Amino acid sequence: MTPALALGAAYTFTTGKISDFGLSSNTLKWHQFGIQADYALSKRTDFHVETVAQIGSGGSENFTPLAAIANSNGAFGPSSSSRQVLVNTSIRHRF
């Protein structure tokens, strides 16, 4: 790339087991992928874009794991399905 462009990528795998009082047991899995780019427009100003996708799997017909991408301000809750995508863009200027 160039000195002005920074790229990043991440993958996280999470697994857990849930049981309803010993009657049945489900192994749940979540795959989370993320990519980001930061481009310096000048010495003090940059443009940032980030995308995170999460997919839940496992469970049973009665219980499907919901996707829930964590965020620092709590503005976003869990998805109503097993998939969720978050896109964040910003322009930052340092004073």
N, C-alpha and C. Protein backbone atom coordinates (compact mmCIF):
# COMPACT_ATOMS: atom_id res chain seq x y z
N MET A 1 0.84 -1.19 0.00
CA MET A 1 0.00 0.00 0.00
C MET A 1 0.88 1.25 0.00
N THR A 2 0.35 2.31 0.53
CA THR A 2 1.08 3.56 0.64
C THR A 2 1.17 3.96 2.11
N PRO A 3 2.04 4.89 2.46
CA PRO A 3 2.10 5.34 3.86
C PRO A 3 0.78 5.96 4.34
N ALA A 4 -0.03 6.45 3.43
CA ALA A 4 -1.30 7.07 3.80
C ALA A 4 -2.41 6.07 4.06
N LEU A 5 -2.23 4.81 3.63
CA LEU A 5 -3.30 3.82 3.71
C LEU A 5 -2.93 2.70 4.69
N ALA A 6 -3.82 2.46 5.64
CA ALA A 6 -3.66 1.35 6.59
C ALA A 6 -4.85 0.42 6.47
N LEU A 7 -4.59 -0.88 6.38
CA LEU A 7 -5.65 -1.89 6.25
C LEU A 7 -5.58 -2.87 7.41
N GLY A 8 -6.72 -3.42 7.78
CA GLY A 8 -6.76 -4.43 8.84
C GLY A 8 -7.88 -5.41 8.60
N ALA A 9 -7.70 -6.62 9.12
CA ALA A 9 -8.71 -7.67 9.00
C ALA A 9 -8.70 -8.51 10.27
N ALA A 10 -9.85 -9.10 10.60
CA ALA A 10 -9.94 -9.92 11.80
C ALA A 10 -10.99 -11.01 11.61
N TYR A 11 -10.78 -12.12 12.32
CA TYR A 11 -11.75 -13.22 12.35
C TYR A 11 -11.82 -13.73 13.79
N THR A 12 -13.03 -13.95 14.28
CA THR A 12 -13.23 -14.48 15.62
C THR A 12 -14.22 -15.63 15.57
N PHE A 13 -13.89 -16.73 16.22
CA PHE A 13 -14.79 -17.88 16.32
C PHE A 13 -15.15 -18.06 17.78
N THR A 14 -16.44 -18.17 18.07
CA THR A 14 -16.92 -18.36 19.43
C THR A 14 -17.86 -19.56 19.44
N THR A 15 -17.73 -20.40 20.46
CA THR A 15 -18.63 -21.54 20.60
C THR A 15 -19.11 -21.62 22.04
N GLY A 16 -20.29 -22.14 22.23
CA GLY A 16 -20.85 -22.28 23.56
C GLY A 16 -21.90 -23.37 23.57
N LYS A 17 -22.19 -23.86 24.75
CA LYS A 17 -23.18 -24.92 24.89
C LYS A 17 -24.28 -24.41 25.81
N ILE A 18 -25.52 -24.65 25.42
CA ILE A 18 -26.67 -24.23 26.22
C ILE A 18 -27.54 -25.45 26.49
N SER A 19 -28.06 -25.52 27.70
CA SER A 19 -28.87 -26.67 28.09
C SER A 19 -30.13 -26.16 28.78
N ASP A 20 -31.26 -26.80 28.49
CA ASP A 20 -32.50 -26.42 29.16
C ASP A 20 -32.82 -27.45 30.24
N PHE A 21 -32.18 -27.30 31.37
CA PHE A 21 -32.39 -28.12 32.56
C PHE A 21 -32.17 -29.61 32.30
N GLY A 22 -31.17 -29.91 31.46
CA GLY A 22 -30.81 -31.30 31.19
C GLY A 22 -31.70 -32.03 30.20
N LEU A 23 -32.73 -31.38 29.67
CA LEU A 23 -33.63 -32.05 28.73
C LEU A 23 -32.99 -32.16 27.34
N SER A 24 -32.36 -31.10 26.89
CA SER A 24 -31.66 -31.13 25.61
C SER A 24 -30.48 -30.17 25.70
N SER A 25 -29.53 -30.36 24.82
CA SER A 25 -28.32 -29.55 24.82
C SER A 25 -28.01 -29.11 23.39
N ASN A 26 -27.63 -27.87 23.23
CA ASN A 26 -27.31 -27.33 21.91
C ASN A 26 -25.92 -26.70 21.94
N THR A 27 -25.12 -26.99 20.93
CA THR A 27 -23.83 -26.33 20.76
C THR A 27 -24.02 -25.21 19.75
N LEU A 28 -23.72 -24.00 20.18
CA LEU A 28 -23.92 -22.82 19.35
C LEU A 28 -22.56 -22.30 18.88
N LYS A 29 -22.54 -21.72 17.69
CA LYS A 29 -21.30 -21.20 17.11
C LYS A 29 -21.56 -19.84 16.47
N TRP A 30 -20.57 -18.97 16.60
CA TRP A 30 -20.63 -17.66 15.94
C TRP A 30 -19.32 -17.42 15.21
N HIS A 31 -19.42 -16.97 13.97
CA HIS A 31 -18.27 -16.58 13.16
C HIS A 31 -18.38 -15.07 12.94
N GLN A 32 -17.32 -14.35 13.25
CA GLN A 32 -17.33 -12.90 13.05
C GLN A 32 -16.13 -12.49 12.19
N PHE A 33 -16.40 -11.72 11.16
CA PHE A 33 -15.39 -11.25 10.22
C PHE A 33 -15.38 -9.73 10.24
N GLY A 34 -14.20 -9.14 10.16
CA GLY A 34 -14.12 -7.69 10.13
C GLY A 34 -13.00 -7.21 9.23
N ILE A 35 -13.24 -6.12 8.53
CA ILE A 35 -12.22 -5.46 7.73
C ILE A 35 -12.30 -3.96 7.98
N GLN A 36 -11.16 -3.31 7.88
CA GLN A 36 -11.16 -1.86 8.07
C GLN A 36 -10.06 -1.23 7.23
N ALA A 37 -10.26 0.03 6.92
CA ALA A 37 -9.27 0.81 6.17
C ALA A 37 -9.25 2.22 6.74
N ASP A 38 -8.06 2.79 6.77
CA ASP A 38 -7.88 4.16 7.24
C ASP A 38 -6.98 4.86 6.22
N TYR A 39 -7.46 5.97 5.68
CA TYR A 39 -6.71 6.70 4.66
C TYR A 39 -6.46 8.12 5.15
N ALA A 40 -5.20 8.50 5.21
CA ALA A 40 -4.82 9.84 5.65
C ALA A 40 -5.01 10.83 4.50
N LEU A 41 -5.91 11.77 4.70
CA LEU A 41 -6.14 12.82 3.70
C LEU A 41 -5.09 13.91 3.83
N SER A 42 -4.64 14.14 5.05
CA SER A 42 -3.57 15.10 5.33
C SER A 42 -2.89 14.65 6.62
N LYS A 43 -2.01 15.50 7.16
CA LYS A 43 -1.30 15.14 8.38
C LYS A 43 -2.24 14.99 9.58
N ARG A 44 -3.33 15.75 9.60
CA ARG A 44 -4.24 15.75 10.74
C ARG A 44 -5.63 15.22 10.44
N THR A 45 -5.93 14.89 9.21
CA THR A 45 -7.28 14.44 8.84
C THR A 45 -7.20 13.09 8.16
N ASP A 46 -8.10 12.18 8.58
CA ASP A 46 -8.13 10.87 7.94
C ASP A 46 -9.58 10.40 7.79
N PHE A 47 -9.76 9.44 6.90
CA PHE A 47 -11.06 8.83 6.60
C PHE A 47 -10.98 7.36 7.01
N HIS A 48 -11.99 6.91 7.72
CA HIS A 48 -11.99 5.55 8.26
C HIS A 48 -13.28 4.83 7.83
N VAL A 49 -13.16 3.58 7.41
CA VAL A 49 -14.32 2.75 7.10
C VAL A 49 -14.08 1.36 7.69
N GLU A 50 -15.13 0.80 8.26
CA GLU A 50 -15.03 -0.50 8.92
C GLU A 50 -16.32 -1.28 8.69
N THR A 51 -16.20 -2.58 8.43
CA THR A 51 -17.35 -3.45 8.26
C THR A 51 -17.14 -4.71 9.11
N VAL A 52 -18.16 -5.09 9.86
CA VAL A 52 -18.13 -6.30 10.67
C VAL A 52 -19.38 -7.10 10.35
N ALA A 53 -19.21 -8.41 10.14
CA ALA A 53 -20.34 -9.31 9.87
C ALA A 53 -20.25 -10.48 10.84
N GLN A 54 -21.40 -10.89 11.36
CA GLN A 54 -21.45 -12.02 12.28
C GLN A 54 -22.54 -12.99 11.84
N ILE A 55 -22.21 -14.30 11.91
CA ILE A 55 -23.13 -15.36 11.53
C ILE A 55 -23.20 -16.36 12.68
N GLY A 56 -24.40 -16.63 13.18
CA GLY A 56 -24.61 -17.63 14.22
C GLY A 56 -25.12 -18.92 13.61
N SER A 57 -24.70 -20.05 14.17
CA SER A 57 -25.16 -21.34 13.67
C SER A 57 -25.27 -22.32 14.83
N GLY A 58 -25.85 -23.48 14.55
CA GLY A 58 -26.08 -24.48 15.58
C GLY A 58 -27.47 -24.33 16.14
N GLY A 59 -27.70 -24.89 17.29
CA GLY A 59 -29.01 -24.79 17.90
C GLY A 59 -29.96 -25.84 17.36
N SER A 60 -31.23 -25.59 17.55
CA SER A 60 -32.26 -26.52 17.11
C SER A 60 -33.37 -25.74 16.41
N GLU A 61 -34.44 -26.44 16.06
CA GLU A 61 -35.56 -25.75 15.41
C GLU A 61 -36.18 -24.71 16.33
N ASN A 62 -36.15 -24.96 17.62
CA ASN A 62 -36.77 -24.04 18.58
C ASN A 62 -35.83 -22.95 19.06
N PHE A 63 -34.54 -23.12 18.81
CA PHE A 63 -33.58 -22.14 19.31
C PHE A 63 -32.47 -21.92 18.29
N THR A 64 -32.40 -20.73 17.73
CA THR A 64 -31.35 -20.35 16.79
C THR A 64 -30.55 -19.24 17.43
N PRO A 65 -29.21 -19.33 17.44
CA PRO A 65 -28.43 -18.26 18.05
C PRO A 65 -28.55 -16.96 17.26
N LEU A 66 -28.81 -15.87 17.97
CA LEU A 66 -28.92 -14.56 17.32
C LEU A 66 -27.55 -13.92 17.23
N ALA A 67 -27.30 -13.21 16.17
CA ALA A 67 -26.06 -12.46 16.02
C ALA A 67 -26.17 -11.20 16.86
N ALA A 68 -25.07 -10.82 17.51
CA ALA A 68 -25.05 -9.60 18.32
C ALA A 68 -23.64 -9.04 18.30
N ILE A 69 -23.40 -8.06 17.46
CA ILE A 69 -22.09 -7.43 17.36
C ILE A 69 -21.96 -6.44 18.51
N ALA A 70 -20.90 -6.59 19.31
CA ALA A 70 -20.68 -5.71 20.46
C ALA A 70 -20.31 -4.32 19.98
N ASN A 71 -20.76 -3.32 20.73
CA ASN A 71 -20.39 -1.94 20.43
C ASN A 71 -20.23 -1.19 21.73
N SER A 72 -19.42 -0.16 21.72
CA SER A 72 -19.07 0.53 22.95
C SER A 72 -20.18 1.39 23.52
N ASN A 73 -21.08 1.90 22.71
CA ASN A 73 -22.10 2.81 23.24
C ASN A 73 -23.46 2.13 23.46
N GLY A 74 -23.58 0.86 23.13
CA GLY A 74 -24.83 0.14 23.37
C GLY A 74 -25.98 0.54 22.46
N ALA A 75 -25.70 1.22 21.37
CA ALA A 75 -26.76 1.70 20.48
C ALA A 75 -27.40 0.58 19.66
N PHE A 76 -26.66 -0.51 19.44
CA PHE A 76 -27.17 -1.59 18.61
C PHE A 76 -27.41 -2.82 19.47
N GLY A 77 -28.57 -3.43 19.33
CA GLY A 77 -28.88 -4.65 20.05
C GLY A 77 -28.66 -5.86 19.18
N PRO A 78 -29.06 -7.03 19.68
CA PRO A 78 -28.90 -8.23 18.87
C PRO A 78 -29.80 -8.20 17.65
N SER A 79 -29.40 -8.95 16.65
CA SER A 79 -30.18 -9.07 15.42
C SER A 79 -31.43 -9.91 15.70
N SER A 80 -32.41 -9.81 14.84
CA SER A 80 -33.60 -10.66 14.96
C SER A 80 -33.40 -11.98 14.22
N SER A 81 -32.20 -12.17 13.65
CA SER A 81 -31.87 -13.40 12.94
C SER A 81 -30.46 -13.85 13.34
N SER A 82 -29.96 -14.85 12.68
CA SER A 82 -28.63 -15.35 12.99
C SER A 82 -27.53 -14.59 12.25
N ARG A 83 -27.87 -13.52 11.55
CA ARG A 83 -26.88 -12.73 10.81
C ARG A 83 -27.02 -11.25 11.13
N GLN A 84 -25.86 -10.58 11.18
CA GLN A 84 -25.87 -9.15 11.42
C GLN A 84 -24.64 -8.53 10.77
N VAL A 85 -24.81 -7.33 10.19
CA VAL A 85 -23.72 -6.60 9.55
C VAL A 85 -23.71 -5.18 10.11
N LEU A 86 -22.52 -4.69 10.39
CA LEU A 86 -22.33 -3.33 10.89
C LEU A 86 -21.35 -2.63 9.97
N VAL A 87 -21.69 -1.42 9.52
CA VAL A 87 -20.80 -0.61 8.70
C VAL A 87 -20.63 0.73 9.40
N ASN A 88 -19.38 1.15 9.55
CA ASN A 88 -19.08 2.40 10.25
C ASN A 88 -18.12 3.21 9.38
N THR A 89 -18.42 4.47 9.18
CA THR A 89 -17.53 5.36 8.45
C THR A 89 -17.35 6.64 9.25
N SER A 90 -16.20 7.28 9.08
CA SER A 90 -15.97 8.53 9.79
C SER A 90 -14.86 9.33 9.11
N ILE A 91 -14.89 10.62 9.32
CA ILE A 91 -13.81 11.51 8.96
C ILE A 91 -13.35 12.15 10.27
N ARG A 92 -12.06 12.03 10.56
CA ARG A 92 -11.54 12.53 11.84
C ARG A 92 -10.53 13.64 11.54
N HIS A 93 -10.64 14.73 12.33
CA HIS A 93 -9.67 15.82 12.23
C HIS A 93 -9.11 16.07 13.63
N ARG A 94 -7.81 16.03 13.75
CA ARG A 94 -7.14 16.25 15.05
C ARG A 94 -6.76 17.73 15.18
N PHE A 95 -7.12 18.31 16.31
CA PHE A 95 -6.81 19.73 16.57
C PHE A 95 -5.54 19.87 17.37
